[in-house]
Amino acid sequence: MIEKIDILGPSASGKSHLARGISQLFRIPLVSVDTLTRTSIPHVRTPESEVLRAIGEFMATKEWILEGKYMAGDVFDNADMIVWVHRGIVHCLLAQWLRYFSDTEQRTRFGLLSNTKLTRNIVRQHFGLYTAEELLRPRVYTYRKAEQTLSEWPEKVFRVRNPRDEDNLMQRIRDSRR
């Protein structure tokens, strides 16, 4: 039975939307790594040790969905399924800017400058434009890093590239829970 699901992919790829859908449909608790890392003070992050502790406590529960750009072996080891949302750069950039212009809260909370920085980060994630030191951090995501890391858990990885893959994912989870 699929009870523990890790969902990762680049920014604006649809991870959160997919995770919420799975969580609601199958009543599996969900935590977003972004929620764990953000504080009530803009541009101030939760210390990494607190994030790791919170993820560890969450993973100790019977069922969970962990969503975000967090690539760590302990999460992959504990997950029954690793969902890799593998969307192209055009999809991600389009989704990001459509969300920005259609969501007043997004514009108010983050502003144009933060959204422009997110554009830069999406480009960096897709083309791997990080230093060697940055790539060692578990929250730094690139396609190449994901592909290399996930090659250690091929039996757990389910790639989502399009809506048909999303439907197949839902069916696979549904079948496992019967």
C-alpha atoms as a PDB file:
ATOM      1  CA  MET A   1       0.000   0.000   0.000  1.00  0.00           C
ATOM      2  CA  ILE A   2       1.291   3.448  -0.901  1.00  0.00           C
ATOM      3  CA  GLU A   3       1.147   5.478   2.325  1.00  0.00           C
ATOM      4  CA  LYS A   4       4.280   7.649   2.216  1.00  0.00           C
ATOM      5  CA  ILE A   5       4.794   9.868  -0.825  1.00  0.00           C
ATOM      6  CA  ASP A   6       7.552  12.344  -1.606  1.00  0.00           C
ATOM      7  CA  ILE A   7       6.770  14.833  -4.387  1.00  0.00           C
ATOM      8  CA  LEU A   8       9.570  16.868  -5.892  1.00  0.00           C
ATOM      9  CA  GLY A   9      10.279  18.917  -8.985  1.00  0.00           C
ATOM     10  CA  PRO A  10      11.290  22.408 -10.037  1.00  0.00           C
ATOM     11  CA  SER A  11       9.550  25.572  -8.899  1.00  0.00           C
ATOM     12  CA  ALA A  12       6.136  26.181 -10.518  1.00  0.00           C
ATOM     13  CA  SER A  13       5.940  22.623 -11.911  1.00  0.00           C
ATOM     14  CA  GLY A  14       2.661  21.817 -10.144  1.00  0.00           C
ATOM     15  CA  LYS A  15       4.019  19.919  -7.115  1.00  0.00           C
ATOM     16  CA  SER A  16       1.784  21.688  -4.603  1.00  0.00           C
ATOM     17  CA  HIS A  17      -1.335  21.336  -6.736  1.00  0.00           C
ATOM     18  CA  LEU A  18      -0.696  17.624  -7.265  1.00  0.00           C
ATOM     19  CA  ALA A  19       0.142  17.052  -3.581  1.00  0.00           C
ATOM     20  CA  ARG A  20      -3.061  18.793  -2.419  1.00  0.00           C
ATOM     21  CA  GLY A  21      -5.113  16.692  -4.835  1.00  0.00           C
ATOM     22  CA  ILE A  22      -3.605  13.417  -3.606  1.00  0.00           C
ATOM     23  CA  SER A  23      -3.910  14.520   0.017  1.00  0.00           C
ATOM     24  CA  GLN A  24      -7.591  15.414  -0.335  1.00  0.00           C
ATOM     25  CA  LEU A  25      -8.559  12.391  -2.424  1.00  0.00           C
ATOM     26  CA  PHE A  26      -6.850   9.799  -0.237  1.00  0.00           C
ATOM     27  CA  ARG A  27      -6.918  11.691   3.097  1.00  0.00           C
ATOM     28  CA  ILE A  28      -3.157  11.542   3.553  1.00  0.00           C
ATOM     29  CA  PRO A  29      -1.555  14.290   5.688  1.00  0.00           C
ATOM     30  CA  LEU A  30       0.505  16.765   3.657  1.00  0.00           C
ATOM     31  CA  VAL A  31       3.402  19.010   4.576  1.00  0.00           C
ATOM     32  CA  SER A  32       5.122  21.428   2.231  1.00  0.00           C
ATOM     33  CA  VAL A  33       8.837  22.012   2.673  1.00  0.00           C
ATOM     34  CA  ASP A  34       8.222  25.660   1.708  1.00  0.00           C
ATOM     35  CA  THR A  35       5.821  25.986   4.651  1.00  0.00           C
ATOM     36  CA  LEU A  36       8.461  24.575   6.988  1.00  0.00           C
ATOM     37  CA  THR A  37      11.190  26.911   5.753  1.00  0.00           C
ATOM     38  CA  ARG A  38       9.245  30.170   5.753  1.00  0.00           C
ATOM     39  CA  THR A  39       8.779  32.281   8.837  1.00  0.00           C
ATOM     40  CA  SER A  40       6.273  35.064   9.466  1.00  0.00           C
ATOM     41  CA  ILE A  41       9.066  37.550   8.710  1.00  0.00           C
ATOM     42  CA  PRO A  42       9.583  38.034   4.950  1.00  0.00           C
ATOM     43  CA  HIS A  43      12.936  36.788   3.594  1.00  0.00           C
ATOM     44  CA  VAL A  44      13.848  35.118   6.924  1.00  0.00           C
ATOM     45  CA  ARG A  45      14.149  31.336   6.751  1.00  0.00           C
ATOM     46  CA  THR A  46      13.654  28.756   9.485  1.00  0.00           C
ATOM     47  CA  PRO A  47      17.021  27.331  10.605  1.00  0.00           C
ATOM     48  CA  GLU A  48      17.914  24.142   8.703  1.00  0.00           C
ATOM     49  CA  SER A  49      18.118  22.125  11.948  1.00  0.00           C
ATOM     50  CA  GLU A  50      14.478  22.969  12.755  1.00  0.00           C
ATOM     51  CA  VAL A  51      13.366  22.053   9.236  1.00  0.00           C
ATOM     52  CA  LEU A  52      15.156  18.693   9.467  1.00  0.00           C
ATOM     53  CA  ARG A  53      13.616  17.999  12.881  1.00  0.00           C
ATOM     54  CA  ALA A  54      10.121  18.808  11.589  1.00  0.00           C
ATOM     55  CA  ILE A  55      10.595  16.592   8.517  1.00  0.00           C
ATOM     56  CA  GLY A  56      11.850  13.759  10.746  1.00  0.00           C
ATOM     57  CA  GLU A  57       8.828  14.033  13.040  1.00  0.00           C
ATOM     58  CA  PHE A  58       6.472  14.112  10.059  1.00  0.00           C
ATOM     59  CA  MET A  59       8.112  11.044   8.498  1.00  0.00           C
ATOM     60  CA  ALA A  60       7.596   9.115  11.749  1.00  0.00           C
ATOM     61  CA  THR A  61       3.827   9.128  11.147  1.00  0.00           C
ATOM     62  CA  LYS A  62       1.964   6.273   9.415  1.00  0.00           C
ATOM     63  CA  GLU A  63       1.001   8.177   6.256  1.00  0.00           C
ATOM     64  CA  TRP A  64       2.430  11.333   4.730  1.00  0.00           C
ATOM     65  CA  ILE A  65       3.005  13.395   1.639  1.00  0.00           C
ATOM     66  CA  LEU A  66       6.112  15.581   1.663  1.00  0.00           C
ATOM     67  CA  GLU A  67       6.067  18.165  -1.112  1.00  0.00           C
ATOM     68  CA  GLY A  68       8.911  20.426  -2.137  1.00  0.00           C
ATOM     69  CA  LYS A  69      12.379  20.718  -3.562  1.00  0.00           C
ATOM     70  CA  TYR A  70      14.010  18.647  -0.828  1.00  0.00           C
ATOM     71  CA  MET A  71      16.247  15.820  -1.979  1.00  0.00           C
ATOM     72  CA  ALA A  72      17.561  13.693   0.864  1.00  0.00           C
ATOM     73  CA  GLY A  73      18.246   9.980   1.068  1.00  0.00           C
ATOM     74  CA  ASP A  74      16.412   9.505   4.356  1.00  0.00           C
ATOM     75  CA  VAL A  75      13.207  10.852   2.796  1.00  0.00           C
ATOM     76  CA  PHE A  76      13.613   8.652  -0.277  1.00  0.00           C
ATOM     77  CA  ASP A  77      14.389   5.610   1.888  1.00  0.00           C
ATOM     78  CA  ASN A  78      11.202   6.129   3.928  1.00  0.00           C
ATOM     79  CA  ALA A  79       8.916   6.925   0.996  1.00  0.00           C
ATOM     80  CA  ASP A  80       6.805   4.221  -0.643  1.00  0.00           C
ATOM     81  CA  MET A  81       6.709   6.348  -3.787  1.00  0.00           C
ATOM     82  CA  ILE A  82       8.758   9.276  -5.093  1.00  0.00           C
ATOM     83  CA  VAL A  83       6.768  11.408  -7.509  1.00  0.00           C
ATOM     84  CA  TRP A  84       9.063  13.391  -9.773  1.00  0.00           C
ATOM     85  CA  VAL A  85       7.127  16.200 -11.429  1.00  0.00           C
ATOM     86  CA  HIS A  86       9.221  16.567 -14.552  1.00  0.00           C
ATOM     87  CA  ARG A  87       7.823  19.560 -16.452  1.00  0.00           C
ATOM     88  CA  GLY A  88       9.730  21.659 -18.953  1.00  0.00           C
ATOM     89  CA  ILE A  89      10.998  25.181 -18.423  1.00  0.00           C
ATOM     90  CA  VAL A  90       8.312  26.784 -20.615  1.00  0.00           C
ATOM     91  CA  HIS A  91       5.554  25.136 -18.569  1.00  0.00           C
ATOM     92  CA  CYS A  92       7.119  26.260 -15.280  1.00  0.00           C
ATOM     93  CA  LEU A  93       7.757  29.864 -16.355  1.00  0.00           C
ATOM     94  CA  LEU A  94       4.287  30.193 -17.852  1.00  0.00           C
ATOM     95  CA  ALA A  95       2.653  28.735 -14.724  1.00  0.00           C
ATOM     96  CA  GLN A  96       4.703  31.032 -12.482  1.00  0.00           C
ATOM     97  CA  TRP A  97       3.767  34.246 -14.294  1.00  0.00           C
ATOM     98  CA  LEU A  98       0.122  33.220 -14.796  1.00  0.00           C
ATOM     99  CA  ARG A  99      -0.118  32.621 -11.044  1.00  0.00           C
ATOM    100  CA  TYR A 100       1.540  35.960 -10.345  1.00  0.00           C
ATOM    101  CA  PHE A 101      -0.829  37.947 -12.574  1.00  0.00           C
ATOM    102  CA  SER A 102      -3.999  36.038 -11.610  1.00  0.00           C
ATOM    103  CA  ASP A 103      -3.437  35.812  -7.848  1.00  0.00           C
ATOM    104  CA  THR A 104      -3.661  39.089  -5.923  1.00  0.00           C
ATOM    105  CA  GLU A 105      -2.266  37.484  -2.767  1.00  0.00           C
ATOM    106  CA  GLN A 106       0.792  36.266  -4.712  1.00  0.00           C
ATOM    107  CA  ARG A 107       1.464  39.782  -6.013  1.00  0.00           C
ATOM    108  CA  THR A 108       0.856  41.429  -2.640  1.00  0.00           C
ATOM    109  CA  ARG A 109       2.790  38.936  -0.548  1.00  0.00           C
ATOM    110  CA  PHE A 110       5.823  38.416  -2.777  1.00  0.00           C
ATOM    111  CA  GLY A 111       5.915  41.351  -5.213  1.00  0.00           C
ATOM    112  CA  LEU A 112       7.503  41.761  -8.610  1.00  0.00           C
ATOM    113  CA  LEU A 113      11.108  41.550  -7.422  1.00  0.00           C
ATOM    114  CA  SER A 114      10.587  38.202  -5.658  1.00  0.00           C
ATOM    115  CA  ASN A 115       8.749  36.838  -8.683  1.00  0.00           C
ATOM    116  CA  THR A 116      11.592  37.944 -10.952  1.00  0.00           C
ATOM    117  CA  LYS A 117      14.042  36.148  -8.640  1.00  0.00           C
ATOM    118  CA  LEU A 118      11.832  33.053  -8.905  1.00  0.00           C
ATOM    119  CA  THR A 119      12.153  33.274 -12.706  1.00  0.00           C
ATOM    120  CA  ARG A 120      15.935  33.279 -12.287  1.00  0.00           C
ATOM    121  CA  ASN A 121      15.717  30.274  -9.954  1.00  0.00           C
ATOM    122  CA  ILE A 122      13.536  28.322 -12.397  1.00  0.00           C
ATOM    123  CA  VAL A 123      16.130  28.908 -15.123  1.00  0.00           C
ATOM    124  CA  ARG A 124      18.911  27.839 -12.728  1.00  0.00           C
ATOM    125  CA  GLN A 125      16.970  24.681 -11.751  1.00  0.00           C
ATOM    126  CA  HIS A 126      16.424  23.642 -15.353  1.00  0.00           C
ATOM    127  CA  PHE A 127      19.958  24.343 -16.553  1.00  0.00           C
ATOM    128  CA  GLY A 128      21.897  23.503 -13.368  1.00  0.00           C
ATOM    129  CA  LEU A 129      23.389  26.968 -12.916  1.00  0.00           C
ATOM    130  CA  TYR A 130      24.578  26.503  -9.325  1.00  0.00           C
ATOM    131  CA  THR A 131      28.007  26.353  -7.748  1.00  0.00           C
ATOM    132  CA  ALA A 132      29.370  23.009  -6.584  1.00  0.00           C
ATOM    133  CA  GLU A 133      28.861  24.145  -2.977  1.00  0.00           C
ATOM    134  CA  GLU A 134      25.215  25.110  -3.601  1.00  0.00           C
ATOM    135  CA  LEU A 135      24.514  21.732  -5.207  1.00  0.00           C
ATOM    136  CA  LEU A 136      25.425  19.974  -1.948  1.00  0.00           C
ATOM    137  CA  ARG A 137      22.441  21.534  -0.159  1.00  0.00           C
ATOM    138  CA  PRO A 138      19.377  19.224  -0.036  1.00  0.00           C
ATOM    139  CA  ARG A 139      16.982  22.072  -0.949  1.00  0.00           C
ATOM    140  CA  VAL A 140      18.865  22.990  -4.146  1.00  0.00           C
ATOM    141  CA  TYR A 141      17.097  21.335  -7.079  1.00  0.00           C
ATOM    142  CA  THR A 142      18.301  20.774 -10.643  1.00  0.00           C
ATOM    143  CA  TYR A 143      17.100  18.232 -13.190  1.00  0.00           C
ATOM    144  CA  ARG A 144      20.549  16.672 -13.417  1.00  0.00           C
ATOM    145  CA  LYS A 145      20.895  16.399  -9.629  1.00  0.00           C
ATOM    146  CA  ALA A 146      17.409  14.865  -9.372  1.00  0.00           C
ATOM    147  CA  GLU A 147      18.131  12.366 -12.126  1.00  0.00           C
ATOM    148  CA  GLN A 148      21.425  11.303 -10.541  1.00  0.00           C
ATOM    149  CA  THR A 149      20.006  11.131  -7.016  1.00  0.00           C
ATOM    150  CA  LEU A 150      16.796   9.331  -7.940  1.00  0.00           C
ATOM    151  CA  SER A 151      18.695   6.685  -9.924  1.00  0.00           C
ATOM    152  CA  GLU A 152      19.357   5.028  -6.530  1.00  0.00           C
ATOM    153  CA  TRP A 153      15.597   4.417  -6.025  1.00  0.00           C
ATOM    154  CA  PRO A 154      14.313   3.495  -9.533  1.00  0.00           C
ATOM    155  CA  GLU A 155      11.595   1.166  -8.217  1.00  0.00           C
ATOM    156  CA  LYS A 156      10.025   4.019  -6.229  1.00  0.00           C
ATOM    157  CA  VAL A 157      10.148   6.797  -8.841  1.00  0.00           C
ATOM    158  CA  PHE A 158       7.030   7.799 -10.768  1.00  0.00           C
ATOM    159  CA  ARG A 159       7.583  10.603 -13.308  1.00  0.00           C
ATOM    160  CA  VAL A 160       4.785  13.054 -14.015  1.00  0.00           C
ATOM    161  CA  ARG A 161       5.244  14.945 -17.271  1.00  0.00           C
ATOM    162  CA  ASN A 162       1.648  15.623 -18.331  1.00  0.00           C
ATOM    163  CA  PRO A 163      -2.006  15.280 -17.230  1.00  0.00           C
ATOM    164  CA  ARG A 164      -2.178  11.656 -18.431  1.00  0.00           C
ATOM    165  CA  ASP A 165       0.706  10.809 -16.095  1.00  0.00           C
ATOM    166  CA  GLU A 166      -1.197  12.507 -13.253  1.00  0.00           C
ATOM    167  CA  ASP A 167      -4.228  10.315 -13.975  1.00  0.00           C
ATOM    168  CA  ASN A 168      -2.026   7.189 -14.038  1.00  0.00           C
ATOM    169  CA  LEU A 169      -0.446   8.246 -10.733  1.00  0.00           C
ATOM    170  CA  MET A 170      -3.853   8.651  -9.071  1.00  0.00           C
ATOM    171  CA  GLN A 171      -4.934   5.247 -10.385  1.00  0.00           C
ATOM    172  CA  ARG A 172      -1.768   3.592  -9.129  1.00  0.00           C
ATOM    173  CA  ILE A 173      -2.251   5.057  -5.645  1.00  0.00           C
ATOM    174  CA  ARG A 174      -5.957   4.111  -5.687  1.00  0.00           C
ATOM    175  CA  ASP A 175      -5.152   0.514  -6.723  1.00  0.00           C
ATOM    176  CA  SER A 176      -2.535   0.169  -3.984  1.00  0.00           C
ATOM    177  CA  ARG A 177      -4.985   1.294  -1.296  1.00  0.00           C
ATOM    178  CA  ARG A 178      -7.744  -1.234  -2.111  1.00  0.00           C
END
